[in-house]
Amino acid sequence: MLILARKLDEKIMIGDDISITVIEIRGDQVRLGVNAPKTVKVFRQEVFDAILAENKAAAESTPVFPELDLGVRGKAL
């Protein structure tokens, strides 16, 4: 893990097109601004974990496919 120290309004660059700016420091809380292309998804860790858990649960569940009534059951074609 890379550990960097930054002051208010200083930035960290990730690659050429993602920047993280220290917006505010208040007590033990730091507000960060993330500037990234729209194609890059940015989540807080707890939201990301919830998305992963939901995706895993969906992948492990048994899909239910309702029987479709197309109006041709029992009729000769």
PDB file of N, CA and C in Angstrom:
ATOM      1  N   MET A   1       0.844  -1.170   0.000  1.00  0.00           N
ATOM      2  CA  MET A   1       0.000   0.000   0.000  1.00  0.00           C
ATOM      3  C   MET A   1       0.892   1.236   0.000  1.00  0.00           C
ATOM      4  N   LEU A   2       0.591   2.134  -0.883  1.00  0.00           N
ATOM      5  CA  LEU A   2       1.299   3.415  -0.940  1.00  0.00           C
ATOM      6  C   LEU A   2       0.598   4.382   0.009  1.00  0.00           C
ATOM      7  N   ILE A   3       1.347   5.042   0.866  1.00  0.00           N
ATOM      8  CA  ILE A   3       0.787   6.007   1.807  1.00  0.00           C
ATOM      9  C   ILE A   3       1.343   7.382   1.463  1.00  0.00           C
ATOM     10  N   LEU A   4       0.432   8.325   1.239  1.00  0.00           N
ATOM     11  CA  LEU A   4       0.821   9.678   0.858  1.00  0.00           C
ATOM     12  C   LEU A   4       0.245  10.684   1.839  1.00  0.00           C
ATOM     13  N   ALA A   5       0.988  11.736   2.102  1.00  0.00           N
ATOM     14  CA  ALA A   5       0.493  12.834   2.930  1.00  0.00           C
ATOM     15  C   ALA A   5       0.110  13.990   2.001  1.00  0.00           C
ATOM     16  N   ARG A   6      -1.042  14.568   2.242  1.00  0.00           N
ATOM     17  CA  ARG A   6      -1.508  15.692   1.440  1.00  0.00           C
ATOM     18  C   ARG A   6      -2.102  16.735   2.372  1.00  0.00           C
ATOM     19  N   LYS A   7      -2.029  17.986   1.969  1.00  0.00           N
ATOM     20  CA  LYS A   7      -2.637  19.084   2.712  1.00  0.00           C
ATOM     21  C   LYS A   7      -3.888  19.536   1.962  1.00  0.00           C
ATOM     22  N   LEU A   8      -4.624  20.433   2.588  1.00  0.00           N
ATOM     23  CA  LEU A   8      -5.835  20.966   2.000  1.00  0.00           C
ATOM     24  C   LEU A   8      -5.574  21.485   0.589  1.00  0.00           C
ATOM     25  N   ASP A   9      -6.430  21.132  -0.337  1.00  0.00           N
ATOM     26  CA  ASP A   9      -6.383  21.527  -1.762  1.00  0.00           C
ATOM     27  C   ASP A   9      -5.268  20.856  -2.563  1.00  0.00           C
ATOM     28  N   GLU A  10      -4.510  19.952  -1.956  1.00  0.00           N
ATOM     29  CA  GLU A  10      -3.502  19.213  -2.707  1.00  0.00           C
ATOM     30  C   GLU A  10      -4.138  17.975  -3.338  1.00  0.00           C
ATOM     31  N   LYS A  11      -3.514  17.504  -4.412  1.00  0.00           N
ATOM     32  CA  LYS A  11      -4.083  16.405  -5.190  1.00  0.00           C
ATOM     33  C   LYS A  11      -3.168  15.197  -5.229  1.00  0.00           C
ATOM     34  N   ILE A  12      -3.798  14.078  -5.549  1.00  0.00           N
ATOM     35  CA  ILE A  12      -3.095  12.845  -5.871  1.00  0.00           C
ATOM     36  C   ILE A  12      -3.577  12.447  -7.254  1.00  0.00           C
ATOM     37  N   MET A  13      -2.674  12.109  -8.137  1.00  0.00           N
ATOM     38  CA  MET A  13      -3.038  11.674  -9.489  1.00  0.00           C
ATOM     39  C   MET A  13      -2.923  10.158  -9.584  1.00  0.00           C
ATOM     40  N   ILE A  14      -3.926   9.556 -10.221  1.00  0.00           N
ATOM     41  CA  ILE A  14      -3.910   8.127 -10.516  1.00  0.00           C
ATOM     42  C   ILE A  14      -3.975   8.011 -12.025  1.00  0.00           C
ATOM     43  N   GLY A  15      -2.873   7.581 -12.611  1.00  0.00           N
ATOM     44  CA  GLY A  15      -2.802   7.566 -14.071  1.00  0.00           C
ATOM     45  C   GLY A  15      -2.841   8.989 -14.596  1.00  0.00           C
ATOM     46  N   ASP A  16      -3.332   9.129 -15.834  1.00  0.00           N
ATOM     47  CA  ASP A  16      -3.378  10.443 -16.470  1.00  0.00           C
ATOM     48  C   ASP A  16      -4.689  11.179 -16.257  1.00  0.00           C
ATOM     49  N   ASP A  17      -5.751  10.442 -15.860  1.00  0.00           N
ATOM     50  CA  ASP A  17      -7.063  11.087 -15.894  1.00  0.00           C
ATOM     51  C   ASP A  17      -7.904  10.936 -14.626  1.00  0.00           C
ATOM     52  N   ILE A  18      -7.295  10.531 -13.527  1.00  0.00           N
ATOM     53  CA  ILE A  18      -8.025  10.451 -12.263  1.00  0.00           C
ATOM     54  C   ILE A  18      -7.262  11.252 -11.219  1.00  0.00           C
ATOM     55  N   SER A  19      -7.955  12.190 -10.580  1.00  0.00           N
ATOM     56  CA  SER A  19      -7.316  12.968  -9.517  1.00  0.00           C
ATOM     57  C   SER A  19      -8.189  12.925  -8.270  1.00  0.00           C
ATOM     58  N   ILE A  20      -7.525  12.929  -7.130  1.00  0.00           N
ATOM     59  CA  ILE A  20      -8.196  12.971  -5.843  1.00  0.00           C
ATOM     60  C   ILE A  20      -7.684  14.213  -5.124  1.00  0.00           C
ATOM     61  N   THR A  21      -8.612  15.076  -4.722  1.00  0.00           N
ATOM     62  CA  THR A  21      -8.260  16.341  -4.084  1.00  0.00           C
ATOM     63  C   THR A  21      -8.757  16.357  -2.650  1.00  0.00           C
ATOM     64  N   VAL A  22      -7.924  16.818  -1.725  1.00  0.00           N
ATOM     65  CA  VAL A  22      -8.345  17.011  -0.341  1.00  0.00           C
ATOM     66  C   VAL A  22      -9.181  18.289  -0.308  1.00  0.00           C
ATOM     67  N   ILE A  23     -10.470  18.140  -0.027  1.00  0.00           N
ATOM     68  CA  ILE A  23     -11.403  19.268  -0.049  1.00  0.00           C
ATOM     69  C   ILE A  23     -11.515  19.933   1.324  1.00  0.00           C
ATOM     70  N   GLU A  24     -11.558  19.098   2.369  1.00  0.00           N
ATOM     71  CA  GLU A  24     -11.761  19.634   3.716  1.00  0.00           C
ATOM     72  C   GLU A  24     -11.191  18.669   4.747  1.00  0.00           C
ATOM     73  N   ILE A  25     -10.607  19.227   5.793  1.00  0.00           N
ATOM     74  CA  ILE A  25     -10.121  18.429   6.920  1.00  0.00           C
ATOM     75  C   ILE A  25     -10.787  19.002   8.161  1.00  0.00           C
ATOM     76  N   ARG A  26     -11.576  18.148   8.839  1.00  0.00           N
ATOM     77  CA  ARG A  26     -12.279  18.600  10.040  1.00  0.00           C
ATOM     78  C   ARG A  26     -12.158  17.510  11.094  1.00  0.00           C
ATOM     79  N   GLY A  27     -11.320  17.739  12.090  1.00  0.00           N
ATOM     80  CA  GLY A  27     -11.109  16.738  13.131  1.00  0.00           C
ATOM     81  C   GLY A  27     -10.506  15.472  12.534  1.00  0.00           C
ATOM     82  N   ASP A  28     -11.189  14.334  12.753  1.00  0.00           N
ATOM     83  CA  ASP A  28     -10.682  13.066  12.228  1.00  0.00           C
ATOM     84  C   ASP A  28     -11.343  12.682  10.904  1.00  0.00           C
ATOM     85  N   GLN A  29     -12.012  13.648  10.270  1.00  0.00           N
ATOM     86  CA  GLN A  29     -12.685  13.363   8.997  1.00  0.00           C
ATOM     87  C   GLN A  29     -12.066  14.190   7.879  1.00  0.00           C
ATOM     88  N   VAL A  30     -11.871  13.538   6.744  1.00  0.00           N
ATOM     89  CA  VAL A  30     -11.303  14.194   5.571  1.00  0.00           C
ATOM     90  C   VAL A  30     -12.299  14.064   4.428  1.00  0.00           C
ATOM     91  N   ARG A  31     -12.605  15.160   3.759  1.00  0.00           N
ATOM     92  CA  ARG A  31     -13.480  15.123   2.573  1.00  0.00           C
ATOM     93  C   ARG A  31     -12.586  15.153   1.343  1.00  0.00           C
ATOM     94  N   LEU A  32     -12.846  14.206   0.436  1.00  0.00           N
ATOM     95  CA  LEU A  32     -12.060  14.082  -0.778  1.00  0.00           C
ATOM     96  C   LEU A  32     -12.946  14.326  -1.990  1.00  0.00           C
ATOM     97  N   GLY A  33     -12.379  14.924  -2.993  1.00  0.00           N
ATOM     98  CA  GLY A  33     -13.060  15.076  -4.275  1.00  0.00           C
ATOM     99  C   GLY A  33     -12.368  14.180  -5.280  1.00  0.00           C
ATOM    100  N   VAL A  34     -13.162  13.415  -6.031  1.00  0.00           N
ATOM    101  CA  VAL A  34     -12.613  12.504  -7.037  1.00  0.00           C
ATOM    102  C   VAL A  34     -13.040  12.988  -8.408  1.00  0.00           C
ATOM    103  N   ASN A  35     -12.067  13.209  -9.269  1.00  0.00           N
ATOM    104  CA  ASN A  35     -12.336  13.601 -10.641  1.00  0.00           C
ATOM    105  C   ASN A  35     -11.859  12.461 -11.534  1.00  0.00           C
ATOM    106  N   ALA A  36     -12.832  11.786 -12.192  1.00  0.00           N
ATOM    107  CA  ALA A  36     -12.505  10.623 -13.019  1.00  0.00           C
ATOM    108  C   ALA A  36     -13.435  10.608 -14.224  1.00  0.00           C
ATOM    109  N   PRO A  37     -13.032   9.934 -15.299  1.00  0.00           N
ATOM    110  CA  PRO A  37     -13.927   9.808 -16.453  1.00  0.00           C
ATOM    111  C   PRO A  37     -15.216   9.098 -16.052  1.00  0.00           C
ATOM    112  N   LYS A  38     -16.291   9.368 -16.784  1.00  0.00           N
ATOM    113  CA  LYS A  38     -17.584   8.748 -16.477  1.00  0.00           C
ATOM    114  C   LYS A  38     -17.541   7.235 -16.610  1.00  0.00           C
ATOM    115  N   THR A  39     -16.595   6.713 -17.355  1.00  0.00           N
ATOM    116  CA  THR A  39     -16.484   5.262 -17.525  1.00  0.00           C
ATOM    117  C   THR A  39     -15.876   4.575 -16.305  1.00  0.00           C
ATOM    118  N   VAL A  40     -15.303   5.352 -15.385  1.00  0.00           N
ATOM    119  CA  VAL A  40     -14.695   4.803 -14.171  1.00  0.00           C
ATOM    120  C   VAL A  40     -15.716   4.914 -13.038  1.00  0.00           C
ATOM    121  N   LYS A  41     -16.073   3.780 -12.449  1.00  0.00           N
ATOM    122  CA  LYS A  41     -17.024   3.781 -11.342  1.00  0.00           C
ATOM    123  C   LYS A  41     -16.268   4.025 -10.047  1.00  0.00           C
ATOM    124  N   VAL A  42     -16.776   4.959  -9.249  1.00  0.00           N
ATOM    125  CA  VAL A  42     -16.146   5.307  -7.979  1.00  0.00           C
ATOM    126  C   VAL A  42     -17.173   5.088  -6.873  1.00  0.00           C
ATOM    127  N   PHE A  43     -16.840   4.246  -5.881  1.00  0.00           N
ATOM    128  CA  PHE A  43     -17.743   3.928  -4.788  1.00  0.00           C
ATOM    129  C   PHE A  43     -17.015   4.050  -3.458  1.00  0.00           C
ATOM    130  N   ARG A  44     -17.764   4.346  -2.398  1.00  0.00           N
ATOM    131  CA  ARG A  44     -17.225   4.174  -1.048  1.00  0.00           C
ATOM    132  C   ARG A  44     -17.103   2.676  -0.820  1.00  0.00           C
ATOM    133  N   GLN A  45     -16.164   2.255   0.023  1.00  0.00           N
ATOM    134  CA  GLN A  45     -15.904   0.832   0.232  1.00  0.00           C
ATOM    135  C   GLN A  45     -17.146   0.078   0.671  1.00  0.00           C
ATOM    136  N   GLU A  46     -17.932   0.649   1.607  1.00  0.00           N
ATOM    137  CA  GLU A  46     -19.107  -0.068   2.107  1.00  0.00           C
ATOM    138  C   GLU A  46     -20.173  -0.251   1.021  1.00  0.00           C
ATOM    139  N   VAL A  47     -20.284   0.700   0.115  1.00  0.00           N
ATOM    140  CA  VAL A  47     -21.224   0.566  -1.006  1.00  0.00           C
ATOM    141  C   VAL A  47     -20.720  -0.504  -1.974  1.00  0.00           C
ATOM    142  N   PHE A  48     -19.429  -0.486  -2.261  1.00  0.00           N
ATOM    143  CA  PHE A  48     -18.833  -1.485  -3.142  1.00  0.00           C
ATOM    144  C   PHE A  48     -19.018  -2.894  -2.583  1.00  0.00           C
ATOM    145  N   ASP A  49     -18.801  -3.061  -1.269  1.00  0.00           N
ATOM    146  CA  ASP A  49     -18.983  -4.362  -0.625  1.00  0.00           C
ATOM    147  C   ASP A  49     -20.434  -4.834  -0.743  1.00  0.00           C
ATOM    148  N   ALA A  50     -21.382  -3.911  -0.563  1.00  0.00           N
ATOM    149  CA  ALA A  50     -22.803  -4.265  -0.677  1.00  0.00           C
ATOM    150  C   ALA A  50     -23.146  -4.688  -2.103  1.00  0.00           C
ATOM    151  N   ILE A  51     -22.596  -4.015  -3.084  1.00  0.00           N
ATOM    152  CA  ILE A  51     -22.828  -4.374  -4.488  1.00  0.00           C
ATOM    153  C   ILE A  51     -22.271  -5.772  -4.770  1.00  0.00           C
ATOM    154  N   LEU A  52     -21.057  -6.053  -4.290  1.00  0.00           N
ATOM    155  CA  LEU A  52     -20.472  -7.380  -4.480  1.00  0.00           C
ATOM    156  C   LEU A  52     -21.318  -8.464  -3.831  1.00  0.00           C
ATOM    157  N   ALA A  53     -21.794  -8.209  -2.616  1.00  0.00           N
ATOM    158  CA  ALA A  53     -22.618  -9.198  -1.913  1.00  0.00           C
ATOM    159  C   ALA A  53     -23.925  -9.433  -2.662  1.00  0.00           C
ATOM    160  N   GLU A  54     -24.537  -8.379  -3.164  1.00  0.00           N
ATOM    161  CA  GLU A  54     -25.790  -8.505  -3.916  1.00  0.00           C
ATOM    162  C   GLU A  54     -25.566  -9.274  -5.214  1.00  0.00           C
ATOM    163  N   ASN A  55     -24.484  -8.984  -5.898  1.00  0.00           N
ATOM    164  CA  ASN A  55     -24.172  -9.704  -7.139  1.00  0.00           C
ATOM    165  C   ASN A  55     -23.912 -11.184  -6.864  1.00  0.00           C
ATOM    166  N   LYS A  56     -23.204 -11.479  -5.774  1.00  0.00           N
ATOM    167  CA  LYS A  56     -22.922 -12.868  -5.422  1.00  0.00           C
ATOM    168  C   LYS A  56     -24.212 -13.613  -5.095  1.00  0.00           C
ATOM    169  N   ALA A  57     -25.093 -12.971  -4.329  1.00  0.00           N
ATOM    170  CA  ALA A  57     -26.370 -13.595  -3.976  1.00  0.00           C
ATOM    171  C   ALA A  57     -27.212 -13.849  -5.221  1.00  0.00           C
ATOM    172  N   ALA A  58     -27.206 -12.912  -6.142  1.00  0.00           N
ATOM    173  CA  ALA A  58     -27.980 -13.077  -7.377  1.00  0.00           C
ATOM    174  C   ALA A  58     -27.414 -14.211  -8.226  1.00  0.00           C
ATOM    175  N   ALA A  59     -26.104 -14.329  -8.271  1.00  0.00           N
ATOM    176  CA  ALA A  59     -25.467 -15.376  -9.077  1.00  0.00           C
ATOM    177  C   ALA A  59     -25.715 -16.761  -8.477  1.00  0.00           C
ATOM    178  N   GLU A  60     -25.858 -16.836  -7.151  1.00  0.00           N
ATOM    179  CA  GLU A  60     -26.055 -18.116  -6.489  1.00  0.00           C
ATOM    180  C   GLU A  60     -27.520 -18.519  -6.378  1.00  0.00           C
ATOM    181  N   SER A  61     -28.433 -17.600  -6.684  1.00  0.00           N
ATOM    182  CA  SER A  61     -29.853 -17.917  -6.548  1.00  0.00           C
ATOM    183  C   SER A  61     -30.334 -18.730  -7.745  1.00  0.00           C
ATOM    184  N   THR A  62     -31.440 -19.444  -7.545  1.00  0.00           N
ATOM    185  CA  THR A  62     -32.033 -20.240  -8.610  1.00  0.00           C
ATOM    186  C   THR A  62     -33.028 -19.362  -9.354  1.00  0.00           C
ATOM    187  N   PRO A  63     -32.821 -19.176 -10.649  1.00  0.00           N
ATOM    188  CA  PRO A  63     -33.750 -18.318 -11.397  1.00  0.00           C
ATOM    189  C   PRO A  63     -35.118 -18.983 -11.526  1.00  0.00           C
ATOM    190  N   VAL A  64     -36.141 -18.176 -11.529  1.00  0.00           N
ATOM    191  CA  VAL A  64     -37.507 -18.657 -11.692  1.00  0.00           C
ATOM    192  C   VAL A  64     -37.999 -18.143 -13.033  1.00  0.00           C
ATOM    193  N   PHE A  65     -38.335 -19.085 -13.910  1.00  0.00           N
ATOM    194  CA  PHE A  65     -38.839 -18.714 -15.223  1.00  0.00           C
ATOM    195  C   PHE A  65     -40.322 -19.066 -15.280  1.00  0.00           C
ATOM    196  N   PRO A  66     -41.174 -18.079 -15.293  1.00  0.00           N
ATOM    197  CA  PRO A  66     -42.601 -18.387 -15.356  1.00  0.00           C
ATOM    198  C   PRO A  66     -42.945 -19.001 -16.711  1.00  0.00           C
ATOM    199  N   GLU A  67     -43.905 -19.906 -16.680  1.00  0.00           N
ATOM    200  CA  GLU A  67     -44.335 -20.535 -17.922  1.00  0.00           C
ATOM    201  C   GLU A  67     -45.135 -19.509 -18.721  1.00  0.00           C
ATOM    202  N   LEU A  68     -44.792 -19.382 -19.964  1.00  0.00           N
ATOM    203  CA  LEU A  68     -45.474 -18.409 -20.816  1.00  0.00           C
ATOM    204  C   LEU A  68     -46.671 -19.056 -21.501  1.00  0.00           C
ATOM    205  N   ASP A  69     -47.770 -18.368 -21.502  1.00  0.00           N
ATOM    206  CA  ASP A  69     -48.958 -18.843 -22.200  1.00  0.00           C
ATOM    207  C   ASP A  69     -49.009 -18.110 -23.532  1.00  0.00           C
ATOM    208  N   LEU A  70     -48.620 -18.799 -24.587  1.00  0.00           N
ATOM    209  CA  LEU A  70     -48.602 -18.181 -25.912  1.00  0.00           C
ATOM    210  C   LEU A  70     -49.869 -18.486 -26.700  1.00  0.00           C
ATOM    211  N   GLY A  71     -50.819 -19.123 -26.040  1.00  0.00           N
ATOM    212  CA  GLY A  71     -52.086 -19.387 -26.700  1.00  0.00           C
ATOM    213  C   GLY A  71     -52.036 -20.531 -27.687  1.00  0.00           C
ATOM    214  N   VAL A  72     -51.006 -21.334 -27.683  1.00  0.00           N
ATOM    215  CA  VAL A  72     -50.898 -22.438 -28.641  1.00  0.00           C
ATOM    216  C   VAL A  72     -50.858 -23.793 -27.956  1.00  0.00           C
ATOM    217  N   ARG A  73     -50.981 -23.822 -26.664  1.00  0.00           N
ATOM    218  CA  ARG A  73     -50.937 -25.078 -25.924  1.00  0.00           C
ATOM    219  C   ARG A  73     -52.111 -25.962 -26.314  1.00  0.00           C
ATOM    220  N   GLY A  74     -51.820 -27.197 -26.672  1.00  0.00           N
ATOM    221  CA  GLY A  74     -52.876 -28.157 -26.987  1.00  0.00           C
ATOM    222  C   GLY A  74     -53.464 -27.993 -28.383  1.00  0.00           C
ATOM    223  N   LYS A  75     -53.000 -27.028 -29.136  1.00  0.00           N
ATOM    224  CA  LYS A  75     -53.514 -26.811 -30.481  1.00  0.00           C
ATOM    225  C   LYS A  75     -52.519 -27.385 -31.490  1.00  0.00           C
ATOM    226  N   ALA A  76     -53.046 -27.981 -32.530  1.00  0.00           N
ATOM    227  CA  ALA A  76     -52.177 -28.492 -33.599  1.00  0.00           C
ATOM    228  C   ALA A  76     -51.737 -27.321 -34.463  1.00  0.00           C
ATOM    229  N   LEU A  77     -50.472 -27.338 -34.807  1.00  0.00           N
ATOM    230  CA  LEU A  77     -49.951 -26.248 -35.629  1.00  0.00           C
ATOM    231  C   LEU A  77     -49.996 -26.597 -37.060  1.00  0.00           C
TER     232      LEU A  77
END
